[in-house]
């Protein structure tokens, strides 16, 4: 009895193994599998470049693909057998919905892809030139590096217009402690910064580094002299505020003999509004302004001044110096005349108070470019300027 029971168990086991082998070997059932995080690749990138566009964002970087296949085949399938492709041709500025194309082994059936569509956002591609600003860190008291050479003065900032427009300046920060009294070259990383000094990491720079050749110099604070003319020109009053001192840098031998620095002369005769003027100190060869005194400014405050503009045309021009039996033709032109002077004079000025003349004395037959002269019938008008300042006059004798 026991032998019959054992025989039955063995026979059942043999039958089960045989059925399992038959299913795998002969029937080979299908199974469903999902491959996750298949990276999206792009085609026709040249078409995007030709359109002057650049990708700023994509809502998905990967997709999931579900497929059905025979068990024997499914066990051999991996992520590398799938490719999710986005075609970039035909994209326009802004958001673009793009259907993904999936390549797969021919022996399987693709059931679903998630997502099937992605949104690609584009912007205009721009490239602008920016000057490289050099800044020094770890400064040493009474000393400052002098730059003798840069591998490049400018850098190209490129990328999406929305990104590049954020870049206010490109900076190379030089560690002053690395500069010695012997000239040496240092490679310094470049950073694109916005107006608040934060880095715009998305901006592309044509070079990642700049080579700065510098030598350590001494600094000295000296008197600053600013020659001014025209401060009392016309009928108005001008007050100025200028720095009394400036800090310069150079070798100790040069600085020893410098106690003051003079700027180029400033002409205020045509300044009729409050303004800021950048001063230009005249420095000996080998001496530069220290960073603390870069771009010294003069503030100009103007009192009792005003201006007004009027529109004229060729019919308002009086031609003088015309010889007898000469026909005069003035080319069509629109003229904007701006008058500047005291509040009282400008406040009462009308278009009829301004006279426009063009003198053709000594000119012969033909077309001539003649300067315009503007005069005022009202006292207190200091300047009357025309734009354009000349017209074309044809003389026929």
Protein backbone atom coordinates (compact mmCIF):
# COMPACT_ATOMS: atom_id res chain seq x y z
CA UNK A 1 0.00 0.00 0.00
CA UNK A 2 2.82 2.37 0.93
CA UNK A 3 4.71 1.51 -2.23
CA UNK A 4 1.66 2.41 -4.36
CA UNK A 5 1.36 5.80 -2.61
CA UNK A 6 5.03 6.62 -3.19
CA UNK A 7 4.74 5.60 -6.79
CA UNK A 8 1.74 7.90 -7.23
CA UNK A 9 3.63 10.88 -5.73
CA UNK A 10 6.66 10.33 -7.94
CA UNK A 11 4.49 9.95 -11.01
CA UNK A 12 2.62 13.19 -10.19
CA UNK A 13 5.91 15.04 -9.77
CA UNK A 14 7.19 13.73 -13.09
CA UNK A 15 3.97 14.76 -14.82
CA UNK A 16 4.15 18.29 -13.27
CA UNK A 17 7.76 18.76 -14.40
CA UNK A 18 6.86 17.53 -17.84
CA UNK A 19 3.93 19.96 -18.07
CA UNK A 20 6.13 22.86 -16.83
CA UNK A 21 8.80 22.02 -19.41
CA UNK A 22 6.14 21.78 -22.10
CA UNK A 23 4.73 25.18 -21.24
CA UNK A 24 8.18 26.80 -21.27
CA UNK A 25 9.58 24.96 -24.23
CA UNK A 26 6.58 24.48 -26.41
CA UNK A 27 3.93 27.03 -25.44
CA UNK A 28 6.36 29.85 -24.27
CA UNK A 29 3.60 32.16 -22.90
CA UNK A 30 3.66 35.91 -23.31
CA UNK A 31 4.28 38.27 -20.41
CA UNK A 32 3.99 42.04 -19.95
CA UNK A 33 6.97 44.08 -18.77
CA UNK A 34 7.48 47.83 -18.12
CA UNK A 35 10.86 49.43 -18.76
CA UNK A 36 11.23 52.65 -16.78
CA UNK A 37 13.29 55.83 -17.19
CA UNK A 38 14.17 55.49 -20.88
CA UNK A 39 16.08 58.70 -21.73
CA UNK A 40 14.66 60.96 -24.44
CA UNK A 41 16.99 61.78 -27.33
CA UNK A 42 16.59 64.51 -29.97
CA UNK A 43 16.91 64.57 -33.74
CA UNK A 44 17.16 67.43 -36.28
CA UNK A 45 18.91 69.75 -33.82
CA UNK A 46 20.29 71.64 -36.83
CA UNK A 47 16.73 72.69 -37.73
CA UNK A 48 16.37 74.33 -34.34
CA UNK A 49 19.67 76.15 -34.81
CA UNK A 50 18.65 77.30 -38.31
CA UNK A 51 15.47 78.75 -36.81
CA UNK A 52 17.54 80.77 -34.33
CA UNK A 53 16.03 78.97 -31.35
CA UNK A 54 17.33 77.20 -28.27
CA UNK A 55 15.59 74.83 -25.82
CA UNK A 56 14.99 76.35 -22.39
CA UNK A 57 12.99 73.56 -20.77
CA UNK A 58 11.41 70.13 -21.34
CA UNK A 59 8.71 68.81 -19.00
CA UNK A 60 9.98 65.20 -19.17
CA UNK A 61 13.50 63.78 -19.57
CA UNK A 62 12.54 60.08 -19.49
CA UNK A 63 9.61 57.83 -20.44
CA UNK A 64 8.22 54.46 -19.32
CA UNK A 65 7.42 51.81 -21.96
CA UNK A 66 5.21 48.72 -21.42
CA UNK A 67 5.45 45.81 -23.86
CA UNK A 68 4.38 42.21 -24.37
CA UNK A 69 6.63 39.38 -25.55
CA UNK A 70 7.31 35.68 -25.25
CA UNK A 71 8.83 34.87 -21.89
CA UNK A 72 12.05 33.70 -23.52
CA UNK A 73 12.38 37.02 -25.37
CA UNK A 74 11.15 39.26 -22.58
CA UNK A 75 13.85 38.03 -20.23
CA UNK A 76 16.50 39.34 -22.63
CA UNK A 77 15.03 42.83 -23.15
CA UNK A 78 16.67 45.82 -21.39
CA UNK A 79 16.47 49.65 -21.39
CA UNK A 80 19.16 49.82 -24.12
CA UNK A 81 16.76 48.15 -26.58
CA UNK A 82 14.41 51.16 -26.50
CA UNK A 83 14.88 54.69 -27.83
CA UNK A 84 12.47 57.57 -27.21
CA UNK A 85 13.02 60.19 -29.92
CA UNK A 86 11.77 63.79 -30.13
CA UNK A 87 11.99 65.46 -33.55
CA UNK A 88 13.00 69.13 -33.21
CA UNK A 89 12.19 70.18 -36.78
CA UNK A 90 9.30 72.62 -37.12
CA UNK A 91 9.52 73.97 -33.58
CA UNK A 92 8.59 77.63 -33.03
CA UNK A 93 9.19 80.15 -30.27
CA UNK A 94 7.46 79.26 -26.99
CA UNK A 95 5.77 75.99 -25.96
CA UNK A 96 5.71 73.10 -28.47
CA UNK A 97 3.87 69.80 -27.93
CA UNK A 98 5.92 67.01 -29.54
CA UNK A 99 4.88 63.37 -30.01
CA UNK A 100 7.60 60.87 -29.12
CA UNK A 101 8.70 58.17 -31.52
CA UNK A 102 9.70 54.87 -29.89
CA UNK A 103 12.10 52.40 -31.51
CA UNK A 104 12.03 48.83 -30.15
CA UNK A 105 12.98 45.27 -31.04
CA UNK A 106 10.71 43.84 -33.75
CA UNK A 107 10.04 40.73 -31.70
CA UNK A 108 7.97 42.53 -29.07
CA UNK A 109 4.61 44.34 -29.00
CA UNK A 110 4.60 47.86 -27.57
CA UNK A 111 1.53 48.31 -25.35
CA UNK A 112 1.93 51.86 -24.04
CA UNK A 113 4.33 54.77 -23.56
CA UNK A 114 4.09 57.29 -20.74
CA UNK A 115 4.24 60.13 -21.53
CA UNK A 116 3.47 59.90 -25.24
CA UNK A 117 3.78 63.67 -25.72
CA UNK A 118 6.23 66.13 -24.17
CA UNK A 119 6.26 69.95 -24.06
CA UNK A 120 9.45 71.60 -25.31
CA UNK A 121 9.83 75.31 -24.56
CA UNK A 122 12.12 77.37 -26.80
CA UNK A 123 13.49 80.90 -26.83
CA UNK A 124 15.43 83.03 -29.28
CA UNK A 125 19.16 82.30 -29.38
CA UNK A 126 21.30 85.40 -28.86
CA UNK A 127 25.01 86.11 -28.43
CA UNK A 128 26.40 89.38 -27.04
CA UNK A 129 29.88 90.70 -26.31
CA UNK A 130 30.66 91.76 -22.74
CA UNK A 131 33.75 93.39 -21.34
CA UNK A 132 35.52 91.36 -18.66
CA UNK A 133 35.59 93.07 -15.25
CA UNK A 134 38.54 92.23 -13.02
CA UNK A 135 37.93 92.27 -9.28
CA UNK A 136 40.48 91.62 -6.54
CA UNK A 137 39.93 89.70 -3.32
CA UNK A 138 42.22 89.41 -0.28
CA UNK A 139 43.61 92.90 -0.82
CA UNK A 140 46.78 93.94 0.99
CA UNK A 141 46.82 97.33 2.74
CA UNK A 142 48.58 100.08 0.75
CA UNK A 143 49.15 97.66 -2.13
CA UNK A 144 47.15 96.67 -5.19
CA UNK A 145 47.84 94.56 -8.28
CA UNK A 146 48.31 96.31 -11.61
CA UNK A 147 47.09 94.37 -14.62
CA UNK A 148 49.60 94.47 -17.45
CA UNK A 149 47.85 92.08 -19.83
CA UNK A 150 44.64 90.11 -20.32
CA UNK A 151 44.35 87.13 -22.64
CA UNK A 152 41.03 88.67 -23.73
CA UNK A 153 39.25 91.95 -22.92
CA UNK A 154 35.80 90.68 -23.93
CA UNK A 155 33.78 87.49 -23.75
CA UNK A 156 30.80 86.22 -25.74
CA UNK A 157 27.71 85.43 -23.68
CA UNK A 158 25.23 83.24 -25.53
CA UNK A 159 22.09 81.22 -24.97
CA UNK A 160 18.39 81.85 -24.56
CA UNK A 161 17.46 85.52 -24.84
CA UNK A 162 15.64 85.37 -21.50
CA UNK A 163 18.85 84.13 -19.86
CA UNK A 164 21.40 86.35 -21.62
CA UNK A 165 19.31 89.45 -20.86
CA UNK A 166 19.87 88.78 -17.14
CA UNK A 167 23.66 89.02 -17.47
CA UNK A 168 24.80 92.44 -16.30
CA UNK A 169 28.54 91.78 -16.39
CA UNK A 170 31.18 89.05 -16.60
CA UNK A 171 33.66 89.02 -13.72
CA UNK A 172 37.04 87.45 -13.05
CA UNK A 173 37.89 87.54 -9.34
CA UNK A 174 41.64 87.56 -8.79
CA UNK A 175 43.10 86.53 -5.45
CA UNK A 176 45.50 89.42 -4.73
CA UNK A 177 47.57 87.24 -2.41
CA UNK A 178 48.75 85.31 -5.48
CA UNK A 179 50.21 88.45 -7.09
CA UNK A 180 53.87 89.22 -6.43
CA UNK A 181 56.21 92.12 -7.22
CA UNK A 182 57.38 90.09 -10.22
CA UNK A 183 54.96 89.98 -13.15
CA UNK A 184 53.17 86.62 -13.34
CA UNK A 185 50.22 85.15 -15.24
CA UNK A 186 47.23 83.59 -13.46
CA UNK A 187 44.29 81.71 -14.95
CA UNK A 188 41.04 82.96 -13.40
CA UNK A 189 37.52 81.53 -13.75
CA UNK A 190 34.86 83.74 -15.33
CA UNK A 191 31.37 84.20 -13.91
CA UNK A 192 28.29 85.77 -15.48
CA UNK A 193 26.49 87.91 -12.89
CA UNK A 194 23.15 89.69 -12.84
CA UNK A 195 22.57 93.23 -11.59
CA UNK A 196 22.31 91.96 -7.99
CA UNK A 197 25.62 90.09 -8.19
CA UNK A 198 24.05 86.61 -8.37
CA UNK A 199 25.57 84.14 -10.82
CA UNK A 200 23.60 83.39 -14.00
CA UNK A 201 24.71 79.77 -14.31
CA UNK A 202 22.55 79.04 -17.37
CA UNK A 203 24.45 81.57 -19.54
CA UNK A 204 27.07 80.13 -21.88
CA UNK A 205 30.48 81.83 -21.98
CA UNK A 206 32.77 81.47 -24.99
CA UNK A 207 35.68 80.95 -22.57
CA UNK A 208 35.56 79.60 -19.03
CA UNK A 209 38.78 81.30 -17.93
CA UNK A 210 40.85 84.40 -18.63
CA UNK A 211 44.60 84.70 -18.12
CA UNK A 212 45.48 87.76 -16.05
CA UNK A 213 49.08 88.99 -16.05
CA UNK A 214 49.67 91.32 -13.11
CA UNK A 215 52.28 92.73 -10.77
CA UNK A 216 51.86 94.00 -7.21
CA UNK A 217 52.12 97.79 -6.86
CA UNK A 218 52.00 100.35 -4.07
CA UNK A 219 49.06 102.74 -3.65
CA UNK A 220 49.01 106.42 -2.73
CA UNK A 221 46.25 108.97 -2.15
CA UNK A 222 46.95 112.35 -3.77
CA UNK A 223 45.10 115.62 -4.44
CA UNK A 224 42.82 115.78 -7.49
CA UNK A 225 42.61 118.94 -9.60
CA UNK A 226 39.68 119.42 -12.03
CA UNK A 227 39.94 122.36 -14.48
CA UNK A 228 36.45 123.61 -15.39
CA UNK A 229 35.30 126.09 -18.02
CA UNK A 230 31.86 127.39 -18.91
CA UNK A 231 30.51 127.03 -15.36
CA UNK A 232 28.93 130.50 -15.60
CA UNK A 233 28.17 130.32 -19.32
CA UNK A 234 24.83 131.72 -20.43
CA UNK A 235 22.11 132.98 -18.11
CA UNK A 236 22.00 130.12 -15.61
CA UNK A 237 23.90 128.99 -12.52
CA UNK A 238 25.81 125.69 -12.20
CA UNK A 239 27.20 124.20 -8.98
CA UNK A 240 29.72 121.35 -9.06
CA UNK A 241 30.80 118.74 -6.54
CA UNK A 242 34.17 117.13 -7.30
CA UNK A 243 36.31 114.68 -5.29
CA UNK A 244 39.27 116.33 -3.61
CA UNK A 245 41.49 113.24 -3.66
CA UNK A 246 42.15 110.16 -5.73
CA UNK A 247 44.07 106.95 -5.03
CA UNK A 248 46.61 105.82 -7.60
CA UNK A 249 48.90 102.80 -7.89
CA UNK A 250 52.37 102.28 -9.34
CA UNK A 251 55.93 101.49 -8.36
CA UNK A 252 57.26 103.19 -5.23
CA UNK A 253 59.83 105.09 -7.36
CA UNK A 254 57.07 106.65 -9.50
CA UNK A 255 54.65 107.41 -6.67
CA UNK A 256 57.33 109.14 -4.63
CA UNK A 257 57.23 112.15 -6.98
CA UNK A 258 53.47 112.44 -7.40
CA UNK A 259 51.54 114.63 -4.93
CA UNK A 260 48.60 115.62 -7.16
CA UNK A 261 46.81 114.57 -10.33
CA UNK A 262 45.03 116.82 -12.83
CA UNK A 263 42.03 115.77 -14.95
CA UNK A 264 41.21 116.68 -18.52
CA UNK A 265 39.33 119.98 -18.71
CA UNK A 266 35.54 119.82 -18.31
CA UNK A 267 33.36 122.19 -20.40
CA UNK A 268 29.99 122.96 -18.79
CA UNK A 269 28.89 125.67 -21.23
CA UNK A 270 26.21 123.45 -22.80
CA UNK A 271 25.09 121.63 -19.64
CA UNK A 272 21.50 122.65 -18.85
CA UNK A 273 20.31 119.74 -16.70
CA UNK A 274 21.65 118.09 -13.56
CA UNK A 275 24.18 115.50 -14.63
CA UNK A 276 27.08 113.29 -13.60
CA UNK A 277 30.35 113.53 -15.54
CA UNK A 278 33.09 110.88 -15.40
CA UNK A 279 36.46 112.53 -14.83
CA UNK A 280 39.60 111.53 -16.75
CA UNK A 281 42.75 111.95 -14.66
CA UNK A 282 45.93 112.42 -16.70
CA UNK A 283 48.39 109.87 -15.29
CA UNK A 284 52.08 109.26 -16.01
CA UNK A 285 53.03 106.06 -17.84
CA UNK A 286 53.13 103.17 -15.39
CA UNK A 287 50.59 104.73 -13.01
CA UNK A 288 46.91 103.77 -12.85
CA UNK A 289 43.89 104.59 -10.75
CA UNK A 290 43.45 102.24 -7.81
CA UNK A 291 40.21 100.24 -7.76
CA UNK A 292 38.83 102.43 -4.94
CA UNK A 293 39.06 105.48 -7.24
CA UNK A 294 38.00 104.01 -10.56
CA UNK A 295 35.74 106.28 -12.63
CA UNK A 296 35.79 109.36 -10.38
CA UNK A 297 32.66 111.49 -10.88
CA UNK A 298 31.74 115.15 -10.83
CA UNK A 299 28.17 116.08 -9.94
CA UNK A 300 26.72 119.11 -11.72
CA UNK A 301 23.61 120.84 -10.36
CA UNK A 302 21.93 123.35 -12.68
CA UNK A 303 19.66 126.13 -11.40
CA UNK A 304 17.02 128.19 -13.21
CA UNK A 305 17.39 126.24 -16.48
CA UNK A 306 14.78 124.89 -18.88
CA UNK A 307 14.42 123.71 -22.46
CA UNK A 308 11.73 123.36 -25.11
CA UNK A 309 11.55 121.86 -28.61
CA UNK A 310 9.67 122.89 -31.76
CA UNK A 311 9.19 121.18 -35.13
CA UNK A 312 9.98 122.98 -38.40
CA UNK A 313 10.30 122.05 -42.08
CA UNK A 314 12.03 123.43 -45.18
CA UNK A 315 9.43 126.14 -45.62
CA UNK A 316 10.54 127.73 -42.33
CA UNK A 317 14.13 128.26 -43.53
CA UNK A 318 15.28 131.70 -44.67
CA UNK A 319 18.11 131.45 -47.23
CA UNK A 320 20.57 134.38 -47.14
CA UNK A 321 23.40 135.36 -49.48
CA UNK A 322 21.41 134.56 -52.63
CA UNK A 323 22.75 136.32 -55.73
CA UNK A 324 20.43 137.98 -58.28
CA UNK A 325 18.55 135.74 -60.76
CA UNK A 326 19.23 132.60 -58.67
CA UNK A 327 16.53 129.97 -58.07
CA UNK A 328 16.73 128.31 -54.66
CA UNK A 329 15.24 124.88 -53.88
CA UNK A 330 15.50 123.33 -50.38
CA UNK A 331 15.23 119.57 -50.09
CA UNK A 332 12.26 118.36 -48.01
CA UNK A 333 13.29 118.04 -44.39
CA UNK A 334 11.81 117.85 -40.88
CA UNK A 335 13.78 119.87 -38.32
CA UNK A 336 13.61 119.63 -34.53
CA UNK A 337 14.90 122.77 -32.81
CA UNK A 338 15.69 122.59 -29.09
CA UNK A 339 16.12 125.86 -27.20
CA UNK A 340 17.78 126.06 -23.76
CA UNK A 341 17.97 128.93 -21.32
CA UNK A 342 16.37 130.44 -18.22
CA UNK A 343 12.94 129.37 -16.95
CA UNK A 344 11.44 132.74 -17.73
CA UNK A 345 12.83 132.92 -21.28
CA UNK A 346 11.96 129.35 -22.25
CA UNK A 347 8.55 129.61 -20.60
CA UNK A 348 7.53 132.50 -22.85
CA UNK A 349 9.22 131.22 -26.03
CA UNK A 350 7.08 130.37 -29.06
CA UNK A 351 7.91 128.85 -32.42
CA UNK A 352 7.69 132.28 -34.06
CA UNK A 353 10.46 133.55 -31.77
CA UNK A 354 13.02 131.24 -33.42
CA UNK A 355 14.55 132.12 -36.79
CA UNK A 356 16.24 129.49 -38.99
CA UNK A 357 18.65 130.71 -41.65
CA UNK A 358 20.99 129.08 -44.16
CA UNK A 359 23.73 131.20 -45.78
CA UNK A 360 24.67 130.34 -49.39
CA UNK A 361 27.03 133.29 -49.95
CA UNK A 362 29.74 132.39 -52.46
CA UNK A 363 28.10 129.14 -53.58
CA UNK A 364 27.51 128.43 -57.29
CA UNK A 365 24.99 126.35 -59.26
CA UNK A 366 24.45 122.84 -57.93
CA UNK A 367 23.43 121.05 -54.73
CA UNK A 368 25.11 122.05 -51.48
CA UNK A 369 24.90 120.91 -47.86
CA UNK A 370 24.48 124.08 -45.85
CA UNK A 371 24.65 124.48 -42.05
CA UNK A 372 21.60 125.91 -40.30
CA UNK A 373 21.79 128.84 -37.90
CA UNK A 374 19.16 129.31 -35.19
CA UNK A 375 18.59 132.67 -33.51
CA UNK A 376 16.09 133.72 -30.86
CA UNK A 377 14.12 136.94 -30.61
CA UNK A 378 13.71 136.38 -26.86
CA UNK A 379 16.56 137.36 -24.46
CA UNK A 380 17.70 134.64 -22.07
CA UNK A 381 17.78 131.85 -24.67
CA UNK A 382 21.38 130.62 -24.57
CA UNK A 383 21.34 127.74 -27.04
CA UNK A 384 19.11 126.81 -29.94
CA UNK A 385 20.19 123.63 -31.73
CA UNK A 386 18.74 122.06 -34.87
CA UNK A 387 18.52 118.36 -35.69
CA UNK A 388 19.51 117.83 -38.44
CA UNK A 389 21.99 120.67 -38.28
CA UNK A 390 22.22 121.08 -42.08
CA UNK A 391 20.04 120.87 -45.20
CA UNK A 392 20.59 120.29 -48.90
CA UNK A 393 20.01 123.41 -51.02
CA UNK A 394 20.00 123.44 -54.84
CA UNK A 395 21.02 126.65 -56.61
CA UNK A 396 20.21 127.38 -60.27
CA UNK A 397 21.72 130.54 -61.79
